[in-house]
Each structure stands twice: as structure tokens, then as C-alpha cells.
Amino acid sequence: MLMSNQINRFAHQLLEARAKQRPLASLSREQVLSTDQAYEIAKRIHDIRIAEGEKPVGRKVGFVNQTVWQAGEHAPIVRAPIWTTLFDSTVIYAEEDSATYSLKGLQQPRIGPEIIFQLGKTPRTDCTMDELADCIEWMAHGMEITVCPFPNWHFATTDAIAAFGLHGALIIGEPRTVSSVSKQHLSTMMMGVSVSLSCDEILRTAGFGSDILNSPLHALWHLHQMLAQQSLFPPLQAGEIITTGSWTESLDVAPGQLWQTAFGGIAMDGLALSLT
């Protein structure tokens, strides 16, 4: 069991590494952490950020893409989804599906395409997946920039939970209202959708909605179930945005690049992101 002073120490180490862009040895090298302990550290960071004036606006689900759980010889082996709080300071809404974002101050940034939902209603704790889908007000395409304080992106799952869920920024494209009819078929509809990710007009990678725990709705459902088991954090609420995980492996990014997405199987415009 972690003592309160250890939780505080880990939380402030992560906050300092992020603020000063300093590399940090993974916490799990110093002490074996359970998932519950990692979320205790995340909760301490959560509370500090709120005390400093940041506003929670939603959640991020991570490590839901089953095709990249073991991507690469030196990549961390992650076999379970995680989540983290999204704050207003890192969420940007693109105008006309185009945005510019600065990478200044971000540690080892990478990028991946995602689907974002906003909840129009608060779901019941024991709701069904269909009832959860009925709580969605709109969906949008987006790109998440992930960051990592641990050298060479080497870490354990518990390190990722504690370290802001590796979240750097979320750029959200044009929201589209989800109709009642679409909500009834949202899971199966998204399974067959594809997305491609290009950099400077060169195709870099592609993925499918079915890779996200079968669909982005399943990722949202998984988050809802995780929160039901965690007394430290509030359940999902109306008004929250939830980004449901990258459809592809995350790729390294650099200033001067133009990243673009394109969809197949759904009438949804892609997003163009210029990095500076």
C-alpha cells in the first residue's frame, strides 16, 4: 500500500517532469505499483490541477486498440485499457476541420486519429450499452497528441495511468449530432469504418473502428464499467467529452508537418492539423 507521502512525491515528480520537459525514470522501476495505486497518483494530480485552475471537461480512453497492444520489439506490452481526465487546457476545437498546434514543451510527442463523443445525458450506473448510446449527443473526429516523460516510451501500464494517461492534447473536428436512428446502430455502423492517416500527403497508417474493442461505443462502454469500479472518481456525466482511443499506432511528430485524416464507410470529413 502506498503511503500518502509516496503518492504526493510521485505526483509532483510527474507534474515537474511535464512542466520542465524533463525525462523521468518510470515509477515502476522504483516500486511495483498496482492499478489502484496508479489511479491514486492520477487522482492526486487531478486534484492539484483543479486547485491550480484547470477545469475537467471529459475523459480519454487509452490502449484500446487490440492491433497495437504489442506493437514493436521495444514497445511496452499493454493489454488493458486505461483512462484519464481531460482538462480544458489541452482540448482544442478545430475550425472547419483545420487547426494549427504548437509542439513546444511536449515530451516525445506522437499522434493518432480518434472518435470523440459528447454525452447529452448522464448514464445510469447500471445502464445497458444501448442506453449508453442513447446518452450520446454528438460525435466528432479528432487527433490526439500523446506525450511520454519516460525515455524511449518505455513504461509499464501503471506508469501510463499515473503519467496523465500519456495525454498531451486533443484536437476535435466538427461535431455531428447523432440521430436516434444512428444511436440504435452505432456499434455495428462504426465497426466497418476505416480511417487513413497521412503526413505531408504521404499515407503513413490506417485503421478500422472494429480495432477499438470492436467499436468506439464499446470503448465508451468499457470506460463506463471501469468507472463503476473506482470510488475515487465520479461516474460519467452529461456534458462530458470522451475520446475513445487511437484507431492506429501512434506516430512520431515534428514541427512543420501537416497531418491529415480521411474516412471510408461513413460520411465524415477528415481533419487537417498543421504542427509548429
Protein backbone atom coordinates (compact mmCIF):
# COMPACT_ATOMS: atom_id res chain seq x y z
CA MET A 1 0.00 0.00 0.00
CA LEU A 2 1.34 3.42 -0.94
CA MET A 3 1.65 5.97 1.84
CA SER A 4 0.22 9.44 1.28
CA ASN A 5 3.71 10.96 1.12
CA GLN A 6 4.71 8.49 -1.62
CA ILE A 7 1.62 9.36 -3.64
CA ASN A 8 2.44 13.05 -3.27
CA ARG A 9 6.06 12.50 -4.27
CA PHE A 10 5.20 10.56 -7.42
CA ALA A 11 2.51 13.09 -8.36
CA HIS A 12 4.87 16.06 -8.00
CA GLN A 13 7.65 14.24 -9.89
CA LEU A 14 5.29 13.75 -12.83
CA LEU A 15 3.99 17.32 -12.69
CA GLU A 16 7.55 18.69 -12.61
CA ALA A 17 8.69 16.45 -15.47
CA ARG A 18 5.78 17.70 -17.55
CA ALA A 19 6.25 21.38 -16.67
CA LYS A 20 10.02 21.37 -17.26
CA GLN A 21 10.09 18.78 -20.08
CA ARG A 22 12.45 16.60 -18.11
CA PRO A 23 12.78 12.86 -18.69
CA LEU A 24 11.77 10.72 -15.74
CA ALA A 25 12.61 7.13 -14.90
CA SER A 26 9.46 5.03 -14.83
CA LEU A 27 7.81 4.86 -11.43
CA SER A 28 7.53 1.09 -11.67
CA ARG A 29 11.33 0.81 -11.70
CA GLU A 30 11.39 2.28 -8.20
CA GLN A 31 8.34 0.49 -6.84
CA VAL A 32 5.91 -2.10 -8.11
CA LEU A 33 2.56 -0.33 -8.50
CA SER A 34 -0.89 -1.85 -8.65
CA THR A 35 -3.53 -0.39 -10.94
CA ASP A 36 -5.39 1.03 -7.96
CA GLN A 37 -2.20 2.72 -6.71
CA ALA A 38 -1.56 4.23 -10.13
CA TYR A 39 -5.05 5.74 -10.14
CA GLU A 40 -4.41 7.11 -6.64
CA ILE A 41 -1.44 9.02 -8.07
CA ALA A 42 -3.58 10.13 -11.01
CA LYS A 43 -6.25 11.35 -8.58
CA ARG A 44 -3.69 13.42 -6.66
CA ILE A 45 -2.56 15.02 -9.93
CA HIS A 46 -6.21 15.54 -10.88
CA ASP A 47 -6.87 17.41 -7.62
CA ILE A 48 -3.74 19.55 -7.94
CA ARG A 49 -4.66 20.60 -11.48
CA ILE A 50 -8.15 21.60 -10.40
CA ALA A 51 -6.71 23.58 -7.47
CA GLU A 52 -4.48 25.41 -9.96
CA GLY A 53 -7.47 26.48 -12.05
CA GLU A 54 -7.85 23.80 -14.73
CA LYS A 55 -11.36 22.55 -15.49
CA PRO A 56 -12.20 18.88 -16.18
CA VAL A 57 -14.16 18.53 -19.44
CA GLY A 58 -14.19 14.78 -20.03
CA ARG A 59 -12.16 11.58 -20.23
CA LYS A 60 -9.67 9.89 -22.50
CA VAL A 61 -9.62 6.13 -23.03
CA GLY A 62 -6.23 4.70 -23.94
CA PHE A 63 -4.73 1.37 -25.02
CA VAL A 64 -7.96 0.10 -26.56
CA ASN A 65 -6.56 -0.76 -30.00
CA GLN A 66 -6.09 -4.52 -29.94
CA THR A 67 -3.85 -4.47 -33.03
CA VAL A 68 -1.11 -2.43 -31.32
CA TRP A 69 -1.07 -3.85 -27.79
CA GLN A 70 2.30 -5.39 -28.66
CA ALA A 71 3.42 -3.08 -31.45
CA GLY A 72 7.17 -3.20 -31.85
CA GLU A 73 10.04 -5.08 -30.29
CA HIS A 74 10.79 -2.39 -27.72
CA ALA A 75 7.26 -1.14 -27.11
CA PRO A 76 5.66 -1.63 -23.70
CA ILE A 77 3.34 -4.61 -23.50
CA VAL A 78 -0.05 -3.20 -22.61
CA ARG A 79 -3.05 -5.49 -22.60
CA ALA A 80 -5.68 -3.45 -20.77
CA PRO A 81 -7.44 -0.15 -21.48
CA ILE A 82 -6.78 2.80 -19.18
CA TRP A 83 -8.37 6.22 -18.82
CA THR A 84 -7.51 9.73 -17.68
CA THR A 85 -9.29 13.04 -17.12
CA LEU A 86 -9.33 15.60 -19.94
CA PHE A 87 -8.88 19.24 -18.95
CA ASP A 88 -9.86 22.39 -20.81
CA SER A 89 -6.18 23.37 -21.14
CA THR A 90 -5.45 20.52 -23.58
CA VAL A 91 -8.66 20.32 -25.67
CA ILE A 92 -8.82 22.37 -28.89
CA TYR A 93 -11.75 22.63 -31.32
CA ALA A 94 -10.71 22.94 -34.96
CA GLU A 95 -12.43 25.42 -37.23
CA GLU A 96 -13.79 23.97 -40.46
CA ASP A 97 -11.86 20.76 -39.76
CA SER A 98 -8.50 22.53 -39.83
CA ALA A 99 -6.20 23.55 -36.97
CA THR A 100 -2.66 24.58 -36.11
CA TYR A 101 -0.97 23.36 -32.97
CA SER A 102 2.43 24.01 -31.38
CA LEU A 103 4.50 21.09 -30.13
CA LYS A 104 6.57 23.36 -27.92
CA GLY A 105 7.01 21.88 -24.47
CA LEU A 106 5.69 18.43 -25.36
CA GLN A 107 7.80 15.39 -24.49
CA GLN A 108 8.31 12.80 -27.24
CA PRO A 109 5.03 13.69 -28.98
CA ARG A 110 3.13 11.22 -31.12
CA ILE A 111 -0.19 11.39 -32.95
CA GLY A 112 -3.19 9.16 -33.61
CA PRO A 113 -6.75 9.54 -35.02
CA GLU A 114 -9.75 9.09 -32.73
CA ILE A 115 -13.54 9.35 -32.46
CA ILE A 116 -14.94 11.61 -29.76
CA PHE A 117 -18.39 11.50 -28.18
CA GLN A 118 -20.16 14.09 -26.08
CA LEU A 119 -22.79 12.94 -23.62
CA GLY A 120 -26.09 14.80 -23.67
CA LYS A 121 -27.49 12.81 -20.75
CA THR A 122 -25.96 11.26 -17.64
CA PRO A 123 -25.99 7.46 -17.99
CA ARG A 124 -27.27 5.29 -15.16
CA THR A 125 -24.58 3.23 -13.43
CA ASP A 126 -26.35 0.02 -14.44
CA CYS A 127 -27.40 1.10 -17.93
CA THR A 128 -27.15 -1.20 -20.93
CA MET A 129 -24.91 -0.43 -23.89
CA ASP A 130 -27.97 0.65 -25.90
CA GLU A 131 -28.97 3.01 -23.11
CA LEU A 132 -25.43 4.38 -23.00
CA ALA A 133 -25.57 5.01 -26.76
CA ASP A 134 -28.83 6.90 -26.23
CA CYS A 135 -26.95 9.29 -23.90
CA ILE A 136 -24.64 10.44 -26.73
CA GLU A 137 -25.42 13.89 -28.11
CA TRP A 138 -22.76 14.25 -30.79
CA MET A 139 -19.70 12.57 -32.23
CA ALA A 140 -16.66 14.07 -33.91
CA HIS A 141 -13.38 13.07 -35.44
CA GLY A 142 -10.18 14.15 -33.78
CA MET A 143 -6.47 13.65 -33.36
CA GLU A 144 -4.79 13.09 -30.04
CA ILE A 145 -1.21 14.06 -29.43
CA THR A 146 0.24 11.77 -26.82
CA VAL A 147 3.34 12.51 -24.76
CA CYS A 148 5.64 10.48 -22.55
CA PRO A 149 8.14 11.53 -19.85
CA PHE A 150 9.74 8.07 -19.77
CA PRO A 151 12.81 7.64 -22.02
CA ASN A 152 12.16 5.89 -25.36
CA TRP A 153 8.50 5.43 -24.47
CA HIS A 154 9.37 2.52 -22.20
CA PHE A 155 6.97 2.06 -19.30
CA ALA A 156 4.51 -0.24 -17.56
CA THR A 157 0.76 0.17 -17.78
CA THR A 158 0.65 1.62 -14.27
CA ASP A 159 3.22 4.26 -15.27
CA ALA A 160 0.95 5.35 -18.12
CA ILE A 161 -2.05 5.63 -15.81
CA ALA A 162 -0.16 7.85 -13.39
CA ALA A 163 1.51 9.95 -16.09
CA PHE A 164 -1.61 11.78 -17.28
CA GLY A 165 -2.66 8.74 -19.31
CA LEU A 166 0.10 9.92 -21.70
CA HIS A 167 -2.30 12.62 -22.89
CA GLY A 168 -0.83 15.75 -24.45
CA ALA A 169 -3.58 17.42 -26.47
CA LEU A 170 -6.84 16.62 -28.23
CA ILE A 171 -7.84 18.41 -31.42
CA ILE A 172 -11.55 17.96 -32.20
CA GLY A 173 -13.13 18.35 -35.64
CA GLU A 174 -16.69 19.39 -36.45
CA PRO A 175 -19.21 17.75 -34.09
CA ARG A 176 -22.11 15.94 -35.73
CA THR A 177 -25.38 15.31 -33.91
CA VAL A 178 -26.12 11.59 -33.54
CA SER A 179 -29.72 10.86 -34.51
CA SER A 180 -31.94 8.43 -32.64
CA VAL A 181 -31.76 6.00 -35.55
CA SER A 182 -27.96 6.19 -35.70
CA LYS A 183 -27.71 5.55 -31.95
CA GLN A 184 -29.55 2.25 -32.42
CA HIS A 185 -26.93 1.04 -34.91
CA LEU A 186 -23.88 2.97 -33.70
CA SER A 187 -21.82 -0.03 -32.65
CA THR A 188 -22.20 -2.05 -35.85
CA MET A 189 -22.06 1.07 -38.02
CA MET A 190 -18.64 2.08 -36.68
CA MET A 191 -17.13 -1.41 -36.91
CA GLY A 192 -16.77 -1.20 -40.69
CA VAL A 193 -15.50 2.36 -40.86
CA SER A 194 -11.85 2.94 -41.82
CA VAL A 195 -9.52 5.89 -41.34
CA SER A 196 -6.22 6.73 -43.00
CA LEU A 197 -3.56 8.99 -41.51
CA SER A 198 -1.22 10.90 -43.81
CA CYS A 199 1.73 13.19 -43.19
CA ASP A 200 2.62 15.77 -45.84
CA GLU A 201 0.33 13.94 -48.28
CA ILE A 202 2.10 10.59 -47.75
CA LEU A 203 -0.03 7.78 -46.31
CA ARG A 204 1.51 6.66 -43.04
CA THR A 205 -1.00 4.24 -41.48
CA ALA A 206 -4.66 3.18 -41.39
CA GLY A 207 -7.09 1.51 -39.04
CA PHE A 208 -10.67 0.35 -38.50
CA GLY A 209 -13.37 1.05 -35.95
CA SER A 210 -13.51 -2.66 -35.18
CA ASP A 211 -9.97 -2.42 -33.76
CA ILE A 212 -11.25 -0.26 -30.88
CA LEU A 213 -12.58 -3.06 -28.66
CA ASN A 214 -14.91 -3.83 -31.61
CA SER A 215 -16.13 -0.22 -31.91
CA PRO A 216 -15.72 3.20 -30.27
CA LEU A 217 -19.05 2.63 -28.50
CA HIS A 218 -17.56 -0.48 -26.88
CA ALA A 219 -14.62 1.65 -25.70
CA LEU A 220 -17.08 4.12 -24.13
CA TRP A 221 -18.92 1.21 -22.53
CA HIS A 222 -15.65 -0.16 -21.15
CA LEU A 223 -14.86 3.24 -19.61
CA HIS A 224 -18.32 3.36 -18.04
CA GLN A 225 -17.70 -0.06 -16.47
CA MET A 226 -14.22 0.88 -15.23
CA LEU A 227 -15.56 3.98 -13.51
CA ALA A 228 -18.26 1.93 -11.79
CA GLN A 229 -15.44 0.07 -10.02
CA GLN A 230 -13.50 3.18 -8.98
CA SER A 231 -14.77 5.13 -6.00
CA LEU A 232 -12.04 7.77 -6.32
CA PHE A 233 -13.57 9.34 -9.42
CA PRO A 234 -17.08 10.48 -10.37
CA PRO A 235 -19.07 8.49 -12.95
CA LEU A 236 -19.73 9.83 -16.43
CA GLN A 237 -21.84 12.98 -16.52
CA ALA A 238 -23.88 14.86 -19.11
CA GLY A 239 -21.73 17.37 -21.00
CA GLU A 240 -18.53 15.33 -20.84
CA ILE A 241 -16.50 14.61 -23.98
CA ILE A 242 -14.89 11.19 -24.28
CA THR A 243 -12.18 10.38 -26.76
CA THR A 244 -12.28 6.66 -27.36
CA GLY A 245 -8.76 5.66 -28.41
CA SER A 246 -6.48 5.75 -31.42
CA TRP A 247 -7.52 3.77 -34.50
CA THR A 248 -3.88 3.30 -35.48
CA GLU A 249 -0.47 3.05 -33.89
CA SER A 250 0.72 6.42 -32.63
CA LEU A 251 3.37 8.01 -34.85
CA ASP A 252 6.19 10.42 -34.04
CA VAL A 253 5.54 14.02 -35.00
CA ALA A 254 7.70 17.12 -35.59
CA PRO A 255 7.17 20.85 -36.22
CA GLY A 256 6.47 21.76 -39.85
CA GLN A 257 4.40 18.67 -40.62
CA LEU A 258 0.84 18.58 -41.96
CA TRP A 259 -1.20 15.62 -40.75
CA GLN A 260 -4.48 14.68 -42.41
CA THR A 261 -7.12 12.01 -41.97
CA ALA A 262 -9.67 10.56 -44.37
CA PHE A 263 -12.58 8.23 -43.63
CA GLY A 264 -14.15 5.38 -45.56
CA GLY A 265 -17.55 3.84 -44.90
CA ILE A 266 -19.07 6.91 -43.26
CA ALA A 267 -19.99 10.44 -44.33
CA MET A 268 -17.48 12.21 -42.11
CA ASP A 269 -14.90 14.75 -43.17
CA GLY A 270 -11.28 14.29 -42.20
CA LEU A 271 -9.18 16.69 -40.21
CA ALA A 272 -6.06 18.67 -41.21
CA LEU A 273 -3.56 19.55 -38.48
CA SER A 274 -0.52 21.77 -39.04
CA LEU A 275 2.20 21.40 -36.43
CA THR A 276 4.56 24.19 -35.46
